Amino acid sequence: MRCLVTGAAGYIGGRLVPELLDAGHEVRCMVRSAGRLRDQPWASRVEVAQADASDAEQAARALEGIEVVYYLIHTMGGGSDFAAADRAAATTFAAACERAGVRRVVYLGGLVPEERPSHPGGLVPGDGRPHPGAPAPGEKLSPHMSSRVEVGEIFLRSSTPAVVLRAAVIIGSGSASFEMLRYLTERLPVMTTPRWVATRTQPIAIRDVLRYLVAWASVEEEVNRSFDIGGPDVLTYADMMRVYAEVAGLPRRLIIPVPVLSPGLSSHWVGLVTPVPAGLARPLVESLRNEAVCGEHDIARHVEDPPGGLTGLRRAIELALERIKEAKVVTRWSSASIPGAPSDPLPTDPDWAGGSLYVDARARRVGASPEALWAVVEAVGGESGWYSLPLAWSLRGLLDRLVGGVGLRRGRRDPKRLRVGDSVDFWRVEEVEPGRLLRLRAEMRLPGLAWLEMRVLTYRGETVYGQRAIFHPHGLAGHLYWWSVAPFHSLIFGPMLRNVAKAAERGVLPVPPGGRAPASGVRVAGEPRDAVPG
């Protein structure tokens, strides 16, 4: 089939694309910035359409010749108008699918407690079309879950047949739900928890979600309805934390429920303990207030269960931890764009910046090969750190989280390699020229736009490390910000310059906890030199 995957730069989309390709389908990826997919290992095997779902003309061009559409767009955070934005985008895109003659739309939504329709076959009276299911009486959904239900209804009421897959907690390496579960359990042997940890849920492994998504490209029957999807285990979030502790070999966790923690307070608590920022944690926490247990398994009539059955929670956690240990995390929750984060590329024309572009530029000769220096540059951030005043970087990350930013703890997808679109703590990789240039764009809360460039240069036969911090201020606040932090640059960027150079000269990188050598040919501190591959 000719398939269009929207949100292909996100957590689910980035994993779905190679699965569809391996199943023999032709894939076109729809993203707002085509550059985000440039370094994906499957980039040469797909078409890329740069489009916004809310733009009818752009959507029409992206849908030309498409048979099956995967709609994987949903706002997490991003202000009070997210529901209206999601509604408008889904409405526009559903109409574009009708005009393009798309055979099927597949939408991944959320599993909510629902009042099963009393009329035969679950049909909406008067139009004979399957109903997505209304929330059960007395169940108040969170704004984000309500928006997901609404988007599903928009596609189901369109003339294009739609399949809405409704999942609860998705367990997979790098997913926001898994990272939240992992860090809460690992970092808090004793925890006071809100009431939502006692709510029942039915988690599903990412491999089973992908299996269902791929299968619907080949199902021949015309189907227009929602399906509940979940793994074989039904348990509370507290039970999930206990299972994680067992699988990870941790002592049993003591969980003490506290009924006074609101979703808002809970999200800030999650934001402080885990890498998931409070703005993203809030919709996750709010969704856990409602019981999320499958009310049917009708999908098995169209997509058979795998021979060994669906993946249980214990096995899903084992698989996720294996991927993390082996540094084989394909996508992470931070792969998706952060609502409100700057996305403008570094300006090449000073006029673009209105005459105000502050630059802190430094360079240093390095007594090492360009390859050794590049290995240090590409491994920056995450467990390797930033080579200067760790406390200052941590404090800046904490301040960012306190004002609703992403903070410093997002880490990296891979400890050794970077590609365009990867997140690195509170930066986003904007450009990578292997062996030459790494450009990071700041996603922290700032009164302006900021970039950090790290270059490997050669001058008269010598290796040179070049480093630039660039800031484009927004208004007076931006100018005041730059001049207030400029005196500290010598304490941050000066040592960073020296320490990156020294790390390359010694051929030593910091040791990631429990990790391996961050880059081929570069020694980890404390590791014998003869242990280096090659």
Protein backbone atom coordinates (compact mmCIF):
# COMPACT_ATOMS: atom_id res chain seq x y z
CA MET A 1 0.00 0.00 0.00
CA ARG A 2 0.99 3.62 -0.44
CA CYS A 3 1.01 4.94 3.12
CA LEU A 4 1.33 8.43 4.57
CA VAL A 5 2.72 8.69 8.09
CA THR A 6 2.06 12.03 9.76
CA GLY A 7 4.16 12.94 12.77
CA ALA A 8 7.01 10.82 11.36
CA ALA A 9 9.56 12.67 13.50
CA GLY A 10 7.78 11.66 16.71
CA TYR A 11 8.08 8.68 19.04
CA ILE A 12 5.48 6.41 17.37
CA GLY A 13 5.90 7.70 13.81
CA GLY A 14 9.67 7.28 13.84
CA ARG A 15 9.24 3.61 14.75
CA LEU A 16 6.27 2.94 12.49
CA VAL A 17 7.99 4.04 9.27
CA PRO A 18 10.67 1.29 9.18
CA GLU A 19 8.07 -1.33 10.19
CA LEU A 20 5.88 -0.36 7.23
CA LEU A 21 8.86 -0.42 4.89
CA ASP A 22 9.90 -3.85 6.11
CA ALA A 23 6.34 -5.05 5.50
CA GLY A 24 6.68 -4.05 1.85
CA HIS A 25 4.66 -0.83 1.83
CA GLU A 26 5.58 2.44 0.13
CA VAL A 27 5.88 5.24 2.66
CA ARG A 28 5.60 9.00 2.44
CA CYS A 29 6.37 10.94 5.63
CA MET A 30 4.61 14.19 6.44
CA VAL A 31 6.47 16.56 8.75
CA ARG A 32 6.56 20.30 9.23
CA SER A 33 10.34 20.38 8.79
CA ALA A 34 11.83 17.96 6.28
CA GLY A 35 15.29 18.39 7.78
CA ARG A 36 14.15 16.53 10.91
CA LEU A 37 14.21 13.26 8.95
CA ARG A 38 17.47 13.78 7.08
CA ASP A 39 19.63 11.57 9.31
CA GLN A 40 17.10 8.80 9.90
CA PRO A 41 18.55 5.44 8.77
CA TRP A 42 15.48 4.91 6.56
CA ALA A 43 15.42 8.42 5.05
CA SER A 44 16.57 7.27 1.60
CA ARG A 45 13.72 4.74 1.40
CA VAL A 46 10.82 7.20 1.82
CA GLU A 47 9.30 10.27 0.24
CA VAL A 48 9.09 13.34 2.44
CA ALA A 49 6.24 15.85 2.27
CA GLN A 50 6.74 19.06 4.22
CA ALA A 51 3.25 20.06 5.31
CA ASP A 52 1.09 21.21 8.18
CA ALA A 53 -2.07 19.19 8.81
CA SER A 54 -4.05 22.38 9.40
CA ASP A 55 -3.18 23.75 5.93
CA ALA A 56 -5.64 22.34 3.37
CA GLU A 57 -3.43 22.95 0.33
CA GLN A 58 -0.34 21.45 1.92
CA ALA A 59 -2.34 18.46 3.15
CA ALA A 60 -3.79 17.91 -0.33
CA ARG A 61 -0.32 17.76 -1.85
CA ALA A 62 0.90 15.35 0.82
CA LEU A 63 -2.10 13.05 0.21
CA GLU A 64 -1.75 12.72 -3.55
CA GLY A 65 -1.84 9.02 -4.50
CA ILE A 66 -2.08 7.85 -0.88
CA GLU A 67 -4.24 4.86 0.11
CA VAL A 68 -3.70 4.54 3.88
CA VAL A 69 -3.04 7.44 6.26
CA TYR A 70 -1.62 7.18 9.77
CA TYR A 71 -2.67 10.22 11.75
CA LEU A 72 -0.23 10.46 14.68
CA ILE A 73 -0.61 14.13 15.52
CA HIS A 74 -1.60 15.22 19.01
CA THR A 75 -0.54 18.19 21.09
CA MET A 76 0.97 17.43 24.50
CA GLY A 77 1.06 20.65 26.47
CA GLY A 78 1.36 23.87 24.55
CA GLY A 79 -1.12 26.18 26.25
CA SER A 80 -4.87 26.43 26.70
CA ASP A 81 -5.82 26.43 23.00
CA PHE A 82 -4.37 23.01 22.17
CA ALA A 83 -7.82 21.40 21.88
CA ALA A 84 -8.99 23.98 19.34
CA ALA A 85 -5.76 23.53 17.37
CA ASP A 86 -6.13 19.73 17.38
CA ARG A 87 -9.79 20.02 16.36
CA ALA A 88 -9.02 22.39 13.48
CA ALA A 89 -6.12 20.26 12.22
CA ALA A 90 -8.14 17.03 12.34
CA THR A 91 -11.14 18.64 10.63
CA THR A 92 -9.01 20.10 7.84
CA PHE A 93 -7.08 16.88 7.35
CA ALA A 94 -10.17 14.65 7.38
CA ALA A 95 -11.71 16.81 4.63
CA ALA A 96 -8.47 16.59 2.64
CA CYS A 97 -8.54 12.79 2.96
CA GLU A 98 -12.11 12.74 1.59
CA ARG A 99 -11.13 14.82 -1.43
CA ALA A 100 -8.00 12.73 -2.06
CA GLY A 101 -9.95 9.47 -2.07
CA VAL A 102 -7.93 7.90 0.75
CA ARG A 103 -9.01 4.30 1.46
CA ARG A 104 -8.45 4.34 5.24
CA VAL A 105 -7.31 6.59 8.07
CA VAL A 106 -5.70 4.99 11.13
CA TYR A 107 -5.60 7.12 14.28
CA LEU A 108 -3.90 6.22 17.56
CA GLY A 109 -5.93 7.66 20.43
CA GLY A 110 -6.29 7.13 24.17
CA LEU A 111 -8.19 4.44 26.05
CA VAL A 112 -10.95 5.94 28.17
CA PRO A 113 -13.71 4.44 30.31
CA GLU A 114 -16.78 4.47 28.15
CA GLU A 115 -20.49 3.90 28.24
CA ARG A 116 -21.13 1.15 25.73
CA PRO A 117 -23.87 2.05 23.24
CA SER A 118 -27.16 0.30 23.98
CA HIS A 119 -28.29 0.25 20.34
CA PRO A 120 -27.43 -2.92 18.38
CA GLY A 121 -23.93 -3.17 16.95
CA GLY A 122 -22.78 0.07 18.54
CA LEU A 123 -24.20 2.22 15.75
CA VAL A 124 -25.13 5.85 15.94
CA PRO A 125 -28.92 6.07 15.51
CA GLY A 126 -29.91 7.54 12.19
CA ASP A 127 -26.65 7.20 10.29
CA GLY A 128 -25.68 3.58 10.77
CA ARG A 129 -22.06 4.44 11.53
CA PRO A 130 -20.12 2.94 14.46
CA HIS A 131 -19.87 5.19 17.48
CA PRO A 132 -16.50 5.75 19.17
CA GLY A 133 -18.04 5.45 22.63
CA ALA A 134 -18.93 8.22 25.06
CA PRO A 135 -17.27 8.52 28.48
CA ALA A 136 -19.00 6.52 31.17
CA PRO A 137 -21.41 8.39 33.48
CA GLY A 138 -19.58 10.27 36.22
CA GLU A 139 -16.25 10.02 34.41
CA LYS A 140 -14.69 13.40 33.81
CA LEU A 141 -11.91 13.16 31.26
CA SER A 142 -8.84 15.35 31.28
CA PRO A 143 -8.68 18.06 28.59
CA HIS A 144 -6.08 16.08 26.64
CA MET A 145 -8.03 12.82 26.75
CA SER A 146 -11.19 14.67 25.75
CA SER A 147 -9.31 16.13 22.81
CA ARG A 148 -8.15 12.68 21.73
CA VAL A 149 -11.71 11.38 21.87
CA GLU A 150 -12.89 14.36 19.83
CA VAL A 151 -10.23 13.86 17.16
CA GLY A 152 -11.24 10.19 16.88
CA GLU A 153 -14.88 11.21 16.42
CA ILE A 154 -13.93 13.67 13.66
CA PHE A 155 -12.32 10.90 11.63
CA LEU A 156 -15.05 8.34 12.35
CA ARG A 157 -17.76 10.74 11.17
CA SER A 158 -15.87 11.54 7.98
CA SER A 159 -16.81 9.73 4.76
CA THR A 160 -13.33 8.14 4.71
CA PRO A 161 -13.35 4.84 6.65
CA ALA A 162 -11.34 5.23 9.83
CA VAL A 163 -9.86 2.92 12.43
CA VAL A 164 -9.26 4.44 15.87
CA LEU A 165 -6.93 2.40 18.06
CA ARG A 166 -7.33 3.34 21.71
CA ALA A 167 -4.35 2.54 23.95
CA ALA A 168 -3.59 3.23 27.60
CA VAL A 169 0.02 3.36 28.87
CA ILE A 170 2.51 2.44 26.12
CA ILE A 171 5.60 0.65 27.45
CA GLY A 172 8.72 0.95 25.32
CA SER A 173 12.25 2.27 25.57
CA GLY A 174 12.15 6.04 25.35
CA SER A 175 8.39 6.51 25.70
CA ALA A 176 7.31 9.27 28.08
CA SER A 177 5.12 6.85 30.04
CA PHE A 178 7.98 4.38 30.45
CA GLU A 179 10.49 7.08 31.42
CA MET A 180 8.08 8.36 34.05
CA LEU A 181 7.58 4.85 35.45
CA ARG A 182 11.30 4.10 35.33
CA TYR A 183 12.59 7.19 37.10
CA LEU A 184 9.86 7.33 39.74
CA THR A 185 10.62 3.74 40.67
CA GLU A 186 14.40 3.95 40.52
CA ARG A 187 14.81 7.23 42.36
CA LEU A 188 12.19 6.88 45.11
CA PRO A 189 12.50 3.75 47.27
CA VAL A 190 9.84 5.29 49.53
CA MET A 191 7.25 7.50 47.91
CA THR A 192 4.12 9.35 48.90
CA THR A 193 1.81 9.08 45.94
CA PRO A 194 -1.47 10.65 44.75
CA ARG A 195 -4.68 8.68 44.37
CA TRP A 196 -4.15 7.96 40.69
CA VAL A 197 -1.57 5.27 41.48
CA ALA A 198 -4.50 3.08 42.61
CA THR A 199 -6.37 3.44 39.29
CA ARG A 200 -6.47 0.34 37.11
CA THR A 201 -4.89 0.47 33.68
CA GLN A 202 -4.04 -1.98 30.90
CA PRO A 203 -0.56 -1.18 29.53
CA ILE A 204 0.53 -2.29 26.08
CA ALA A 205 4.02 -2.90 24.70
CA ILE A 206 5.21 -0.65 21.90
CA ARG A 207 5.86 -3.72 19.72
CA ASP A 208 2.19 -4.67 19.92
CA VAL A 209 1.07 -1.12 19.13
CA LEU A 210 3.29 -1.11 16.03
CA ARG A 211 2.04 -4.56 15.03
CA TYR A 212 -1.57 -3.36 15.11
CA LEU A 213 -0.75 -0.17 13.21
CA VAL A 214 1.11 -1.98 10.44
CA ALA A 215 -1.58 -4.65 10.10
CA TRP A 216 -4.29 -2.11 9.27
CA ALA A 217 -2.49 -1.21 6.04
CA SER A 218 -3.40 -4.68 4.75
CA VAL A 219 -6.86 -5.42 6.21
CA GLU A 220 -9.19 -5.60 3.20
CA GLU A 221 -12.60 -5.20 4.87
CA GLU A 222 -14.08 -1.72 5.05
CA VAL A 223 -14.10 -0.94 8.74
CA ASN A 224 -15.12 2.30 10.45
CA ARG A 225 -14.94 2.06 14.23
CA SER A 226 -12.74 2.26 17.30
CA PHE A 227 -10.90 -0.66 18.90
CA ASP A 228 -9.55 -0.97 22.44
CA ILE A 229 -6.00 -2.30 22.44
CA GLY A 230 -4.06 -3.42 25.50
CA GLY A 231 -1.69 -6.07 26.78
CA PRO A 232 -2.71 -9.12 28.83
CA ASP A 233 -2.17 -7.46 32.25
CA VAL A 234 -4.64 -5.25 34.12
CA LEU A 235 -3.11 -3.62 37.19
CA THR A 236 -2.73 -0.35 39.07
CA TYR A 237 0.07 2.12 38.51
CA ALA A 238 1.42 1.18 41.95
CA ASP A 239 1.52 -2.45 40.79
CA MET A 240 3.38 -1.34 37.65
CA MET A 241 6.04 0.34 39.80
CA ARG A 242 6.42 -2.83 41.87
CA VAL A 243 6.78 -4.95 38.72
CA TYR A 244 9.39 -2.53 37.35
CA ALA A 245 11.36 -2.75 40.62
CA GLU A 246 11.34 -6.56 40.41
CA VAL A 247 12.48 -6.63 36.78
CA ALA A 248 15.19 -4.01 37.41
CA GLY A 249 16.46 -5.87 40.47
CA LEU A 250 15.55 -3.10 42.90
CA PRO A 251 14.41 -3.58 46.51
CA ARG A 252 10.64 -3.56 47.01
CA ARG A 253 9.27 -0.01 46.90
CA LEU A 254 7.18 1.40 49.73
CA ILE A 255 4.21 3.31 48.30
CA ILE A 256 2.16 5.53 50.63
CA PRO A 257 -0.98 7.06 49.02
CA VAL A 258 -1.66 10.73 49.81
CA PRO A 259 -5.11 11.91 48.62
CA VAL A 260 -4.31 15.64 48.65
CA LEU A 261 -1.97 15.75 45.66
CA SER A 262 -3.76 17.40 42.71
CA PRO A 263 -2.80 16.61 39.10
CA GLY A 264 -1.03 19.96 38.94
CA LEU A 265 1.08 19.24 42.02
CA SER A 266 1.63 15.68 40.86
CA SER A 267 2.95 16.86 37.49
CA HIS A 268 5.44 19.19 39.18
CA TRP A 269 6.50 16.34 41.45
CA VAL A 270 6.99 14.10 38.40
CA GLY A 271 8.86 16.92 36.65
CA LEU A 272 11.33 17.24 39.52
CA VAL A 273 11.99 13.51 39.89
CA THR A 274 11.99 12.36 36.25
CA PRO A 275 13.31 13.72 32.92
CA VAL A 276 9.72 14.32 31.78
CA PRO A 277 8.99 18.07 32.16
CA ALA A 278 5.93 19.16 34.12
CA GLY A 279 4.20 20.46 30.98
CA LEU A 280 4.29 16.98 29.44
CA ALA A 281 3.82 15.13 32.73
CA ARG A 282 0.52 16.87 33.45
CA PRO A 283 -1.51 15.31 30.59
CA LEU A 284 0.04 11.93 31.40
CA VAL A 285 -0.88 12.26 35.07
CA GLU A 286 -4.36 13.56 34.32
CA SER A 287 -5.06 10.61 32.03
CA LEU A 288 -4.18 8.22 34.87
CA ARG A 289 -7.09 9.52 36.94
CA ASN A 290 -9.48 7.51 34.78
CA GLU A 291 -9.58 3.75 34.64
CA ALA A 292 -8.17 2.61 31.30
CA VAL A 293 -9.14 -1.03 30.80
CA CYS A 294 -10.17 -2.56 27.48
CA GLY A 295 -13.92 -3.12 27.19
CA GLU A 296 -13.57 -5.41 24.17
CA HIS A 297 -10.99 -7.26 22.09
CA ASP A 298 -12.84 -7.07 18.79
CA ILE A 299 -9.65 -6.17 16.94
CA ALA A 300 -8.73 -9.88 17.00
CA ARG A 301 -11.45 -10.45 14.35
CA HIS A 302 -9.33 -8.44 11.91
CA VAL A 303 -5.79 -8.77 13.30
CA GLU A 304 -4.99 -12.08 14.96
CA ASP A 305 -3.04 -12.14 18.20
CA PRO A 306 0.61 -13.20 17.75
CA PRO A 307 1.31 -16.93 18.26
CA GLY A 308 2.79 -16.40 21.72
CA GLY A 309 0.10 -13.92 22.73
CA LEU A 310 0.38 -10.21 23.41
CA THR A 311 3.41 -8.98 25.35
CA GLY A 312 2.97 -8.84 29.12
CA LEU A 313 4.14 -5.92 31.26
CA ARG A 314 7.11 -7.77 32.72
CA ARG A 315 8.43 -8.74 29.29
CA ALA A 316 7.77 -5.25 27.90
CA ILE A 317 9.86 -3.74 30.70
CA GLU A 318 12.62 -6.30 30.12
CA LEU A 319 12.73 -5.43 26.41
CA ALA A 320 12.79 -1.69 27.11
CA LEU A 321 15.65 -2.00 29.60
CA GLU A 322 17.60 -4.18 27.16
CA ARG A 323 17.29 -1.50 24.46
CA ILE A 324 18.46 1.18 26.89
CA LYS A 325 21.42 -0.90 28.08
CA GLU A 326 22.46 -1.67 24.50
CA ALA A 327 21.96 1.98 23.41
CA LYS A 328 19.44 0.86 20.79
CA VAL A 329 16.67 3.33 21.59
CA VAL A 330 15.30 4.16 18.13
CA THR A 331 13.10 7.11 19.16
CA ARG A 332 12.35 8.89 22.44
CA TRP A 333 9.48 10.95 23.76
CA SER A 334 11.70 13.98 23.22
CA SER A 335 11.98 13.17 19.49
CA ALA A 336 8.73 15.07 18.97
CA SER A 337 8.70 18.85 18.82
CA ILE A 338 8.14 20.63 22.12
CA PRO A 339 5.14 22.99 21.87
CA GLY A 340 6.31 26.56 22.16
CA ALA A 341 9.99 25.68 21.74
CA PRO A 342 11.91 27.77 19.20
CA SER A 343 12.33 26.16 15.80
CA ASP A 344 13.95 28.96 13.78
CA PRO A 345 17.27 27.97 12.18
CA LEU A 346 20.45 29.87 12.89
CA PRO A 347 20.35 33.07 10.79
CA THR A 348 23.04 33.46 8.18
CA ASP A 349 22.09 37.06 7.40
CA PRO A 350 22.69 39.58 10.24
CA ASP A 351 19.72 41.59 8.99
CA TRP A 352 17.48 38.67 9.94
CA ALA A 353 18.30 39.36 13.54
CA GLY A 354 17.44 43.02 13.32
CA GLY A 355 21.07 43.98 13.89
CA SER A 356 21.20 42.21 17.28
CA LEU A 357 23.00 38.91 17.35
CA TYR A 358 25.27 38.35 20.35
CA VAL A 359 28.13 35.90 19.90
CA ASP A 360 30.63 34.38 22.33
CA ALA A 361 33.29 32.82 20.06
CA ARG A 362 36.33 30.87 21.26
CA ALA A 363 38.93 28.58 19.68
CA ARG A 364 41.79 26.41 20.89
CA ARG A 365 44.50 24.26 19.34
CA VAL A 366 44.14 20.59 20.22
CA GLY A 367 46.99 18.10 20.39
CA ALA A 368 44.87 15.27 19.00
CA SER A 369 43.52 14.11 15.69
CA PRO A 370 40.33 15.64 14.27
CA GLU A 371 38.69 12.22 14.70
CA ALA A 372 39.47 12.12 18.42
CA LEU A 373 38.13 15.65 18.89
CA TRP A 374 34.95 14.85 16.97
CA ALA A 375 34.34 11.79 19.16
CA VAL A 376 34.29 14.08 22.20
CA VAL A 377 32.08 16.67 20.51
CA GLU A 378 29.51 14.15 19.32
CA ALA A 379 29.28 12.56 22.79
CA VAL A 380 28.59 15.86 24.59
CA GLY A 381 25.65 16.13 26.98
CA GLY A 382 23.66 13.41 28.67
CA GLU A 383 25.87 11.28 30.91
CA SER A 384 29.04 12.84 29.45
CA GLY A 385 28.00 16.27 30.69
CA TRP A 386 29.08 19.66 29.39
CA TYR A 387 32.73 19.81 30.49
CA SER A 388 32.38 22.79 32.80
CA LEU A 389 30.86 23.51 36.21
CA PRO A 390 28.31 20.67 36.41
CA LEU A 391 26.55 22.45 39.28
CA ALA A 392 25.97 25.54 37.15
CA TRP A 393 24.50 23.47 34.29
CA SER A 394 22.29 21.57 36.74
CA LEU A 395 21.10 24.81 38.33
CA ARG A 396 20.25 26.26 34.89
CA GLY A 397 18.30 23.12 34.09
CA LEU A 398 16.44 23.27 37.40
CA LEU A 399 15.50 26.92 36.85
CA ASP A 400 14.20 26.02 33.39
CA ARG A 401 12.01 23.25 34.80
CA LEU A 402 10.64 25.56 37.49
CA VAL A 403 9.34 27.93 34.79
CA GLY A 404 7.84 25.09 32.75
CA GLY A 405 10.78 24.31 30.47
CA VAL A 406 12.25 20.93 29.53
CA GLY A 407 15.22 21.18 31.88
CA LEU A 408 18.56 19.40 31.60
CA ARG A 409 17.51 15.80 32.25
CA ARG A 410 16.18 14.76 28.84
CA GLY A 411 19.59 13.22 28.15
CA ARG A 412 20.34 11.65 24.78
CA ARG A 413 18.82 9.00 22.55
CA ASP A 414 22.23 7.45 21.89
CA PRO A 415 25.41 8.02 23.95
CA LYS A 416 27.69 7.89 20.90
CA ARG A 417 25.90 9.24 17.84
CA LEU A 418 23.72 12.24 17.08
CA ARG A 419 21.40 13.00 14.19
CA VAL A 420 19.40 16.05 13.21
CA GLY A 421 16.31 16.34 15.40
CA ASP A 422 17.75 14.52 18.43
CA SER A 423 17.30 16.13 21.83
CA VAL A 424 20.38 16.62 24.00
CA ASP A 425 19.29 17.79 27.45
CA PHE A 426 17.72 21.23 26.86
CA TRP A 427 19.10 21.49 23.31
CA ARG A 428 17.90 20.15 19.96
CA VAL A 429 20.33 19.06 17.24
CA GLU A 430 19.82 21.49 14.37
CA GLU A 431 22.77 20.47 12.19
CA VAL A 432 25.37 17.71 12.11
CA GLU A 433 28.22 17.60 9.61
CA PRO A 434 30.08 14.44 10.69
CA GLY A 435 33.64 15.19 11.69
CA ARG A 436 33.15 18.94 11.31
CA LEU A 437 30.14 20.64 12.92
CA LEU A 438 27.55 20.13 15.65
CA ARG A 439 24.96 22.90 16.03
CA LEU A 440 22.49 22.78 18.92
CA ARG A 441 19.39 24.98 19.25
CA ALA A 442 18.22 25.83 22.77
CA GLU A 443 14.75 24.66 23.83
CA MET A 444 14.96 26.15 27.31
CA ARG A 445 12.74 29.08 28.25
CA LEU A 446 14.57 32.20 27.09
CA PRO A 447 13.70 35.77 26.03
CA GLY A 448 15.16 35.02 22.62
CA LEU A 449 16.74 32.32 20.47
CA ALA A 450 20.03 30.61 21.32
CA TRP A 451 22.44 28.20 19.65
CA LEU A 452 25.66 26.44 20.61
CA GLU A 453 28.08 25.51 17.83
CA MET A 454 31.00 23.10 18.21
CA ARG A 455 33.40 22.81 15.26
CA VAL A 456 36.40 20.64 14.40
CA LEU A 457 38.82 22.62 12.23
CA THR A 458 42.26 22.11 10.74
CA TYR A 459 44.68 25.03 10.52
CA ARG A 460 48.20 24.60 9.10
CA GLY A 461 48.15 20.92 9.89
CA GLU A 462 46.92 21.38 13.45
CA THR A 463 43.56 20.41 14.92
CA VAL A 464 41.52 23.35 16.20
CA TYR A 465 38.38 23.27 18.33
CA GLY A 466 35.97 26.15 17.64
CA GLN A 467 33.05 27.00 19.91
CA ARG A 468 30.33 29.65 19.50
CA ALA A 469 27.41 30.58 21.73
CA ILE A 470 24.91 32.67 19.76
CA PHE A 471 21.91 34.60 21.07
CA HIS A 472 19.21 36.55 19.23
CA PRO A 473 17.33 38.63 21.84
CA HIS A 474 13.59 39.27 21.80
CA GLY A 475 12.90 42.79 23.02
CA LEU A 476 14.44 44.56 25.97
CA ALA A 477 14.17 41.46 28.16
CA GLY A 478 16.39 39.59 25.72
CA HIS A 479 19.10 42.25 25.78
CA LEU A 480 18.99 42.43 29.59
CA TYR A 481 19.22 38.65 29.79
CA TRP A 482 22.35 38.50 27.63
CA TRP A 483 24.16 41.23 29.54
CA SER A 484 23.20 39.68 32.88
CA VAL A 485 24.70 36.29 31.99
CA ALA A 486 27.63 37.49 29.84
CA PRO A 487 29.97 37.89 32.85
CA PHE A 488 29.52 34.19 33.63
CA HIS A 489 30.42 33.01 30.12
CA SER A 490 34.12 32.92 30.98
CA LEU A 491 33.26 30.54 33.83
CA ILE A 492 31.12 28.29 31.62
CA PHE A 493 32.37 28.43 28.05
CA GLY A 494 36.05 29.00 28.87
CA PRO A 495 36.45 25.78 30.90
CA MET A 496 34.25 23.96 28.41
CA LEU A 497 36.64 24.90 25.61
CA ARG A 498 39.69 23.73 27.59
CA ASN A 499 38.12 20.52 28.89
CA VAL A 500 36.77 19.38 25.52
CA ALA A 501 40.27 19.86 24.09
CA LYS A 502 41.90 18.02 27.00
CA ALA A 503 39.44 15.12 26.74
CA ALA A 504 40.36 14.72 23.07
CA GLU A 505 44.07 14.90 23.88
CA ARG A 506 43.78 12.27 26.61
CA GLY A 507 41.37 10.17 24.55
CA VAL A 508 39.17 9.86 27.65
CA LEU A 509 35.46 10.55 28.09
CA PRO A 510 33.46 10.47 31.33
CA VAL A 511 32.06 7.09 32.28
CA PRO A 512 28.28 6.78 31.77
CA PRO A 513 26.85 4.88 34.79
CA GLY A 514 26.82 1.25 33.75
CA GLY A 515 27.71 2.31 30.22
CA ARG A 516 30.27 1.48 27.59
CA ALA A 517 32.80 3.57 25.71
CA PRO A 518 30.86 6.55 24.30
CA ALA A 519 32.67 6.51 20.97
CA SER A 520 34.77 4.10 18.98
CA GLY A 521 38.48 4.61 19.50
CA VAL A 522 38.06 6.86 22.55
CA ARG A 523 38.91 5.44 25.92
CA VAL A 524 36.53 5.53 28.90
CA ALA A 525 38.18 6.71 32.12
CA GLY A 526 39.46 3.70 34.06
CA GLU A 527 39.28 1.32 31.07
CA PRO A 528 42.54 -0.36 29.95
CA ARG A 529 43.87 1.03 26.68
CA ASP A 530 43.97 -2.41 25.09
CA ALA A 531 40.19 -2.68 25.60
CA VAL A 532 39.56 -0.05 22.94
CA PRO A 533 38.10 -1.60 19.76
CA GLY A 534 40.58 -1.45 16.88
